[in-house]
N, C-alpha and C. Protein backbone atom coordinates (compact mmCIF):
# COMPACT_ATOMS: atom_id res chain seq x y z
N MET A 1 6.58 -8.79 3.23
CA MET A 1 5.43 -8.26 2.53
C MET A 1 4.30 -8.14 3.55
N VAL A 2 3.66 -6.99 3.54
CA VAL A 2 2.54 -6.72 4.43
C VAL A 2 1.41 -6.13 3.59
N SER A 3 0.19 -6.54 3.86
CA SER A 3 -0.97 -5.96 3.19
C SER A 3 -1.88 -5.33 4.23
N LEU A 4 -2.41 -4.16 3.91
CA LEU A 4 -3.35 -3.46 4.78
C LEU A 4 -4.59 -3.12 3.98
N VAL A 5 -5.73 -3.16 4.62
CA VAL A 5 -6.95 -2.64 4.00
C VAL A 5 -7.29 -1.36 4.75
N ILE A 6 -7.19 -0.27 4.05
CA ILE A 6 -7.40 1.05 4.64
C ILE A 6 -8.88 1.41 4.56
N LYS A 7 -9.43 1.93 5.66
CA LYS A 7 -10.82 2.34 5.65
C LYS A 7 -11.04 3.44 4.61
N ASP A 8 -12.23 3.57 4.13
CA ASP A 8 -12.61 4.56 3.13
C ASP A 8 -12.18 4.17 1.71
N GLY A 9 -11.86 2.89 1.52
CA GLY A 9 -11.59 2.39 0.18
C GLY A 9 -10.44 3.07 -0.54
N LYS A 10 -10.63 3.31 -1.82
CA LYS A 10 -9.59 3.89 -2.66
C LYS A 10 -9.16 5.27 -2.15
N ARG A 11 -10.11 6.07 -1.73
CA ARG A 11 -9.80 7.41 -1.23
C ARG A 11 -8.88 7.32 -0.02
N GLY A 12 -9.20 6.46 0.92
CA GLY A 12 -8.37 6.28 2.11
C GLY A 12 -7.00 5.72 1.78
N ALA A 13 -6.97 4.74 0.86
CA ALA A 13 -5.69 4.14 0.46
C ALA A 13 -4.78 5.18 -0.18
N PHE A 14 -5.34 5.99 -1.08
CA PHE A 14 -4.54 7.02 -1.74
C PHE A 14 -4.07 8.10 -0.76
N GLU A 15 -4.91 8.43 0.22
CA GLU A 15 -4.50 9.40 1.24
C GLU A 15 -3.34 8.84 2.06
N PHE A 16 -3.43 7.57 2.45
CA PHE A 16 -2.35 6.91 3.17
C PHE A 16 -1.06 6.96 2.34
N LEU A 17 -1.16 6.59 1.06
CA LEU A 17 0.03 6.58 0.20
C LEU A 17 0.62 7.98 0.02
N ARG A 18 -0.22 9.01 -0.03
CA ARG A 18 0.28 10.38 -0.15
C ARG A 18 1.05 10.82 1.09
N ARG A 19 0.68 10.27 2.23
CA ARG A 19 1.27 10.71 3.50
C ARG A 19 2.54 9.95 3.87
N ILE A 20 2.81 8.85 3.23
CA ILE A 20 4.03 8.09 3.51
C ILE A 20 5.24 8.94 3.12
N ARG A 21 6.23 8.98 3.99
CA ARG A 21 7.41 9.81 3.71
C ARG A 21 8.64 8.98 3.36
N ILE A 22 8.78 7.80 3.93
CA ILE A 22 9.99 7.01 3.71
C ILE A 22 9.81 6.05 2.54
N ALA A 23 8.75 5.27 2.56
CA ALA A 23 8.53 4.28 1.50
C ALA A 23 8.24 4.98 0.17
N ARG A 24 8.61 4.32 -0.89
CA ARG A 24 8.35 4.86 -2.22
C ARG A 24 7.14 4.17 -2.83
N ASN A 25 6.29 4.96 -3.46
CA ASN A 25 5.14 4.42 -4.17
C ASN A 25 5.65 3.80 -5.47
N ALA A 26 5.33 2.55 -5.69
CA ALA A 26 5.87 1.83 -6.85
C ALA A 26 4.79 1.00 -7.51
N VAL A 27 4.99 0.70 -8.78
CA VAL A 27 4.05 -0.15 -9.50
C VAL A 27 4.39 -1.61 -9.27
N SER A 28 5.63 -1.89 -9.00
CA SER A 28 6.10 -3.26 -8.78
C SER A 28 6.87 -3.28 -7.48
N LEU A 29 6.74 -4.35 -6.74
CA LEU A 29 7.40 -4.43 -5.44
C LEU A 29 8.64 -5.32 -5.54
N GLY A 30 9.74 -4.83 -5.06
CA GLY A 30 10.99 -5.60 -5.05
C GLY A 30 12.16 -4.66 -5.11
N GLY A 31 13.00 -4.72 -4.14
CA GLY A 31 14.16 -3.85 -4.05
C GLY A 31 14.62 -3.80 -2.61
N VAL A 32 15.66 -3.03 -2.34
CA VAL A 32 16.15 -2.95 -0.97
C VAL A 32 15.42 -1.88 -0.17
N GLU A 33 14.77 -0.94 -0.87
CA GLU A 33 14.03 0.10 -0.17
C GLU A 33 12.58 -0.35 0.04
N THR A 34 11.93 0.26 1.02
CA THR A 34 10.53 -0.06 1.28
C THR A 34 9.68 0.55 0.18
N LEU A 35 8.82 -0.30 -0.38
CA LEU A 35 7.95 0.11 -1.48
C LEU A 35 6.51 -0.15 -1.12
N VAL A 36 5.61 0.71 -1.59
CA VAL A 36 4.18 0.55 -1.35
C VAL A 36 3.44 0.67 -2.67
N CYS A 37 2.28 0.00 -2.75
CA CYS A 37 1.48 0.14 -3.97
C CYS A 37 0.01 -0.09 -3.67
N HIS A 38 -0.82 0.38 -4.58
CA HIS A 38 -2.27 0.18 -4.55
C HIS A 38 -2.57 -0.81 -5.67
N PRO A 39 -2.67 -2.11 -5.35
CA PRO A 39 -2.78 -3.15 -6.38
C PRO A 39 -3.94 -2.98 -7.35
N LYS A 40 -5.05 -2.46 -6.87
CA LYS A 40 -6.22 -2.37 -7.75
C LYS A 40 -5.98 -1.42 -8.92
N THR A 41 -5.10 -0.43 -8.75
CA THR A 41 -4.83 0.51 -9.84
C THR A 41 -3.44 0.32 -10.45
N THR A 42 -2.69 -0.67 -9.97
CA THR A 42 -1.35 -0.89 -10.52
C THR A 42 -1.19 -2.35 -10.94
N THR A 43 -0.65 -3.16 -10.06
CA THR A 43 -0.27 -4.54 -10.41
C THR A 43 -1.43 -5.42 -10.85
N HIS A 44 -2.63 -5.14 -10.39
CA HIS A 44 -3.79 -5.98 -10.72
C HIS A 44 -4.85 -5.22 -11.53
N SER A 45 -4.47 -4.11 -12.11
CA SER A 45 -5.46 -3.25 -12.77
C SER A 45 -6.17 -3.91 -13.95
N GLY A 46 -5.61 -4.96 -14.51
CA GLY A 46 -6.25 -5.65 -15.62
C GLY A 46 -7.28 -6.69 -15.22
N PHE A 47 -7.48 -6.87 -13.93
CA PHE A 47 -8.43 -7.86 -13.43
C PHE A 47 -9.87 -7.45 -13.71
N THR A 48 -10.72 -8.44 -13.84
CA THR A 48 -12.16 -8.20 -13.88
C THR A 48 -12.65 -8.09 -12.44
N GLU A 49 -13.88 -7.63 -12.26
CA GLU A 49 -14.44 -7.54 -10.90
C GLU A 49 -14.46 -8.91 -10.23
N GLU A 50 -14.73 -9.95 -10.98
CA GLU A 50 -14.74 -11.31 -10.43
C GLU A 50 -13.34 -11.71 -9.96
N GLU A 51 -12.33 -11.38 -10.77
CA GLU A 51 -10.95 -11.71 -10.39
C GLU A 51 -10.50 -10.91 -9.16
N PHE A 52 -10.91 -9.64 -9.08
CA PHE A 52 -10.62 -8.85 -7.88
C PHE A 52 -11.19 -9.55 -6.65
N ALA A 53 -12.44 -9.97 -6.75
CA ALA A 53 -13.11 -10.61 -5.62
C ALA A 53 -12.41 -11.91 -5.23
N GLN A 54 -12.05 -12.71 -6.22
CA GLN A 54 -11.37 -13.99 -5.95
C GLN A 54 -10.02 -13.78 -5.29
N ALA A 55 -9.31 -12.74 -5.71
CA ALA A 55 -7.97 -12.48 -5.19
C ALA A 55 -7.98 -11.66 -3.90
N GLY A 56 -9.15 -11.15 -3.50
CA GLY A 56 -9.23 -10.32 -2.30
C GLY A 56 -8.66 -8.93 -2.50
N VAL A 57 -8.62 -8.47 -3.74
CA VAL A 57 -8.11 -7.13 -4.04
C VAL A 57 -9.27 -6.16 -3.96
N VAL A 58 -9.32 -5.41 -2.86
CA VAL A 58 -10.40 -4.46 -2.62
C VAL A 58 -9.86 -3.04 -2.78
N ASP A 59 -10.78 -2.08 -2.85
CA ASP A 59 -10.39 -0.68 -3.09
C ASP A 59 -9.39 -0.14 -2.08
N GLY A 60 -9.49 -0.55 -0.83
CA GLY A 60 -8.61 -0.01 0.21
C GLY A 60 -7.31 -0.78 0.42
N LEU A 61 -7.05 -1.79 -0.41
CA LEU A 61 -5.86 -2.62 -0.22
C LEU A 61 -4.59 -1.87 -0.59
N VAL A 62 -3.62 -1.91 0.31
CA VAL A 62 -2.28 -1.36 0.09
C VAL A 62 -1.29 -2.47 0.41
N ARG A 63 -0.32 -2.66 -0.48
CA ARG A 63 0.73 -3.66 -0.24
C ARG A 63 2.04 -2.94 0.06
N ILE A 64 2.75 -3.50 1.03
CA ILE A 64 4.01 -2.91 1.46
C ILE A 64 5.09 -3.98 1.40
N SER A 65 6.16 -3.69 0.70
CA SER A 65 7.33 -4.54 0.66
C SER A 65 8.39 -3.86 1.52
N VAL A 66 8.65 -4.40 2.69
CA VAL A 66 9.53 -3.75 3.66
C VAL A 66 10.99 -3.93 3.24
N GLY A 67 11.70 -2.82 3.26
CA GLY A 67 13.11 -2.82 2.86
C GLY A 67 14.05 -2.79 4.06
N ILE A 68 15.20 -2.19 3.84
CA ILE A 68 16.26 -2.24 4.84
C ILE A 68 16.31 -1.02 5.77
N GLU A 69 15.36 -0.12 5.64
CA GLU A 69 15.35 1.05 6.53
C GLU A 69 15.14 0.59 7.98
N ASP A 70 15.49 1.45 8.90
CA ASP A 70 15.31 1.14 10.31
C ASP A 70 13.81 0.95 10.59
N TRP A 71 13.47 -0.14 11.25
CA TRP A 71 12.06 -0.47 11.49
C TRP A 71 11.35 0.60 12.30
N ARG A 72 12.09 1.27 13.19
CA ARG A 72 11.46 2.32 14.01
C ARG A 72 11.04 3.51 13.15
N ASP A 73 11.88 3.85 12.18
CA ASP A 73 11.53 4.94 11.26
C ASP A 73 10.31 4.56 10.43
N LEU A 74 10.29 3.33 9.94
CA LEU A 74 9.14 2.88 9.14
C LEU A 74 7.87 2.85 9.98
N LEU A 75 7.96 2.35 11.19
CA LEU A 75 6.79 2.28 12.07
C LEU A 75 6.24 3.69 12.32
N ALA A 76 7.11 4.62 12.63
CA ALA A 76 6.65 6.00 12.87
C ALA A 76 6.01 6.57 11.61
N ASP A 77 6.58 6.30 10.47
CA ASP A 77 6.05 6.80 9.20
C ASP A 77 4.66 6.22 8.93
N PHE A 78 4.53 4.90 9.09
CA PHE A 78 3.23 4.26 8.85
C PHE A 78 2.19 4.74 9.86
N GLU A 79 2.60 4.91 11.11
CA GLU A 79 1.65 5.39 12.13
C GLU A 79 1.14 6.78 11.81
N GLN A 80 2.02 7.69 11.38
CA GLN A 80 1.57 9.04 11.07
C GLN A 80 0.66 9.03 9.85
N ALA A 81 0.95 8.19 8.87
CA ALA A 81 0.11 8.13 7.68
C ALA A 81 -1.27 7.52 8.00
N LEU A 82 -1.26 6.47 8.82
CA LEU A 82 -2.53 5.85 9.21
C LEU A 82 -3.39 6.77 10.06
N SER A 83 -2.77 7.57 10.90
CA SER A 83 -3.55 8.47 11.75
C SER A 83 -4.25 9.54 10.93
N ALA A 84 -3.75 9.79 9.73
CA ALA A 84 -4.36 10.80 8.85
C ALA A 84 -5.59 10.28 8.12
N VAL A 85 -5.72 8.98 8.05
CA VAL A 85 -6.90 8.40 7.38
C VAL A 85 -7.82 7.78 8.39
């Protein structure tokens, strides 16, 4: 499991997620494939602002559950998506 805070908040996080080619955007993380999600609008969307702050869930947070794909392919995919934001 890896967490990233993408610059530009929600806009940047969503742009990063749109550009990912290998990982699948998911509401829940767990499986053999690499999955990504934006916790503030999915898994933690029921939180209050205080709960977001306590949990460190910020607008730009993206969570990645790394699967069984070749790490080089994933690295290249994440690098190209990050370079776009």
